[in-house]
Amino acid sequence: MSPFWNVKPPKNDDEYFERMTKSIFTAGLNWSVVDKKWPSFQKAFVQFSTGKIAKFTEKNVSVLMNDAGIVRNERKIKATVHNAGEVLRLQKEHGSFAKYIGSFGKDEERLLSDLQEKFQHLGVSTARTFLWSVGYKLTPNAEEKKWMTGHKEA
């Protein structure tokens, strides 16, 4: 697996949304559990099409809660539906999710705060994980510096 600091940026807004969702579902779990189930997540969440997921109903959530191929956490599933709508809203406002992130310039604290305010189930560490996963150049915090120095590239 590539280190976060060498990640390629997402190609489109659905890919940003997919990486956000993966960060959310991985929070509190061993990342390999979610990683192994990811093909099932992609199928269950219609390849992370924000337009389709934003229209999910309680019935869709119930179906997903019975899907053994994914992590069945109702709060995270409902957050995914909400977050799809938020990505669509930001697309309309900024033109794309990448432009939304870019609108903060280098003010990573304001960006982190805004992400946590707008998106459900995106706490500070999950927001940081998401930004690392899309190639955003965060200033590493103490824990990240420790991890980085212990995991040099081979």
Protein backbone atom coordinates (compact mmCIF):
# COMPACT_ATOMS: atom_id res chain seq x y z
CA MET A 1 0.00 0.00 0.00
CA SER A 2 1.32 3.44 -0.91
CA PRO A 3 2.03 5.89 1.88
CA PHE A 4 -0.55 8.67 2.15
CA TRP A 5 1.93 11.32 1.08
CA ASN A 6 2.35 9.74 -2.38
CA VAL A 7 -1.34 9.30 -3.16
CA LYS A 8 -2.72 10.32 -6.54
CA PRO A 9 -5.55 12.83 -6.30
CA PRO A 10 -9.03 11.57 -7.16
CA LYS A 11 -10.05 11.82 -10.83
CA ASN A 12 -13.55 13.13 -10.07
CA ASP A 13 -15.99 14.04 -7.31
CA ASP A 14 -17.35 10.50 -6.98
CA GLU A 15 -13.82 9.31 -6.25
CA TYR A 16 -13.42 12.01 -3.56
CA PHE A 17 -16.70 10.79 -2.11
CA GLU A 18 -15.57 7.16 -2.23
CA ARG A 19 -12.36 7.97 -0.37
CA MET A 20 -14.30 9.95 2.24
CA THR A 21 -16.69 7.03 2.71
CA LYS A 22 -13.80 4.58 3.06
CA SER A 23 -12.20 6.82 5.69
CA ILE A 24 -15.50 6.94 7.60
CA PHE A 25 -16.12 3.18 7.50
CA THR A 26 -12.51 2.43 8.44
CA ALA A 27 -12.69 4.65 11.55
CA GLY A 28 -12.67 2.47 14.64
CA LEU A 29 -11.91 -0.71 12.68
CA ASN A 30 -8.84 -2.43 11.34
CA TRP A 31 -8.46 -0.95 7.85
CA SER A 32 -7.96 -4.42 6.36
CA VAL A 33 -11.53 -5.44 7.37
CA VAL A 34 -12.98 -2.61 5.27
CA ASP A 35 -10.40 -3.06 2.52
CA LYS A 36 -11.37 -6.74 2.04
CA LYS A 37 -15.05 -5.79 1.83
CA TRP A 38 -14.50 -2.79 -0.44
CA PRO A 39 -15.66 -4.46 -3.69
CA SER A 40 -18.98 -5.18 -1.93
CA PHE A 41 -19.13 -1.56 -0.74
CA GLN A 42 -18.63 -0.38 -4.33
CA LYS A 43 -21.52 -2.55 -5.49
CA ALA A 44 -23.79 -1.66 -2.54
CA PHE A 45 -23.15 2.07 -2.99
CA VAL A 46 -23.55 1.99 -6.81
CA GLN A 47 -19.87 2.76 -7.51
CA PHE A 48 -20.17 5.83 -5.23
CA SER A 49 -22.35 7.76 -7.63
CA THR A 50 -23.23 10.78 -5.50
CA GLY A 51 -26.37 11.49 -7.54
CA LYS A 52 -27.74 8.00 -6.96
CA ILE A 53 -26.75 7.68 -3.29
CA ALA A 54 -28.19 11.09 -2.39
CA LYS A 55 -31.59 9.67 -3.45
CA PHE A 56 -31.34 6.61 -1.16
CA THR A 57 -34.36 6.13 1.09
CA GLU A 58 -34.92 4.34 4.40
CA LYS A 59 -35.71 1.25 2.31
CA ASN A 60 -32.25 1.41 0.70
CA VAL A 61 -30.69 1.79 4.17
CA SER A 62 -32.63 -1.29 5.38
CA VAL A 63 -31.37 -3.31 2.41
CA LEU A 64 -27.79 -2.25 3.18
CA MET A 65 -28.24 -3.15 6.85
CA ASN A 66 -28.89 -6.73 5.67
CA ASP A 67 -25.89 -6.84 3.31
CA ALA A 68 -23.27 -9.07 4.94
CA GLY A 69 -20.74 -7.94 2.31
CA ILE A 70 -20.34 -4.52 3.93
CA VAL A 71 -19.84 -3.18 7.44
CA ARG A 72 -23.43 -2.82 8.66
CA ASN A 73 -23.26 0.33 10.73
CA GLU A 74 -26.55 2.21 10.35
CA ARG A 75 -25.14 5.57 11.43
CA LYS A 76 -22.30 5.31 8.91
CA ILE A 77 -24.66 4.18 6.13
CA LYS A 78 -27.03 7.09 6.82
CA ALA A 79 -24.03 9.45 7.00
CA THR A 80 -22.99 8.22 3.54
CA VAL A 81 -26.41 9.14 2.12
CA HIS A 82 -26.28 12.58 3.78
CA ASN A 83 -22.68 13.13 2.64
CA ALA A 84 -23.56 12.33 -0.99
CA GLY A 85 -26.09 15.17 -0.91
CA GLU A 86 -23.51 17.48 0.64
CA VAL A 87 -20.98 16.68 -2.11
CA LEU A 88 -23.65 17.53 -4.72
CA ARG A 89 -24.40 20.82 -2.96
CA LEU A 90 -20.70 21.73 -2.90
CA GLN A 91 -20.39 20.81 -6.60
CA LYS A 92 -23.13 23.31 -7.42
CA GLU A 93 -21.57 25.98 -5.22
CA HIS A 94 -17.91 25.53 -6.25
CA GLY A 95 -18.02 23.66 -9.56
CA SER A 96 -16.34 20.55 -8.11
CA PHE A 97 -15.32 19.03 -4.81
CA ALA A 98 -11.66 19.65 -5.67
CA LYS A 99 -12.41 23.37 -6.11
CA TYR A 100 -14.22 23.37 -2.75
CA ILE A 101 -11.10 21.97 -1.07
CA GLY A 102 -8.92 24.39 -3.04
CA SER A 103 -11.02 27.35 -1.88
CA PHE A 104 -9.37 27.06 1.54
CA GLY A 105 -5.87 27.57 0.16
CA LYS A 106 -3.36 26.46 2.77
CA ASP A 107 -5.74 27.09 5.70
CA GLU A 108 -5.98 23.45 6.71
CA GLU A 109 -7.53 24.19 10.12
CA ARG A 110 -10.45 26.02 8.49
CA LEU A 111 -10.82 23.23 5.92
CA LEU A 112 -10.82 20.53 8.62
CA SER A 113 -13.39 22.47 10.62
CA ASP A 114 -15.63 23.00 7.58
CA LEU A 115 -15.46 19.33 6.58
CA GLN A 116 -16.48 18.28 10.09
CA GLU A 117 -19.34 20.78 10.10
CA LYS A 118 -20.73 19.77 6.70
CA PHE A 119 -20.22 16.00 6.68
CA GLN A 120 -21.62 13.44 9.08
CA HIS A 121 -19.43 10.93 10.90
CA LEU A 122 -16.33 12.91 9.97
CA GLY A 123 -14.47 13.71 13.18
CA VAL A 124 -11.08 15.36 13.28
CA SER A 125 -8.96 12.23 12.82
CA THR A 126 -11.27 10.84 10.12
CA ALA A 127 -11.23 14.20 8.31
CA ARG A 128 -7.42 14.13 8.44
CA THR A 129 -7.35 10.54 7.14
CA PHE A 130 -9.65 11.57 4.29
CA LEU A 131 -7.47 14.55 3.34
CA TRP A 132 -4.33 12.40 3.42
CA SER A 133 -6.13 9.83 1.23
CA VAL A 134 -6.83 12.41 -1.49
CA GLY A 135 -3.27 13.73 -1.52
CA TYR A 136 -3.92 16.96 0.39
CA LYS A 137 -0.63 18.14 1.90
CA LEU A 138 -1.52 18.41 5.59
CA THR A 139 1.00 19.48 8.18
CA PRO A 140 1.55 16.22 10.08
CA ASN A 141 0.46 16.24 13.72
CA ALA A 142 2.59 14.54 16.41
CA GLU A 143 0.98 11.11 15.92
CA GLU A 144 1.33 11.29 12.12
CA LYS A 145 4.99 12.35 12.39
CA LYS A 146 5.64 9.35 14.64
CA TRP A 147 3.92 7.02 12.17
CA MET A 148 5.78 8.52 9.20
CA THR A 149 9.19 8.15 10.80
CA GLY A 150 8.44 4.54 11.69
CA HIS A 151 7.16 3.65 8.21
CA LYS A 152 9.75 4.79 5.70
CA GLU A 153 9.19 3.81 2.07
CA ALA A 154 10.97 0.63 1.02
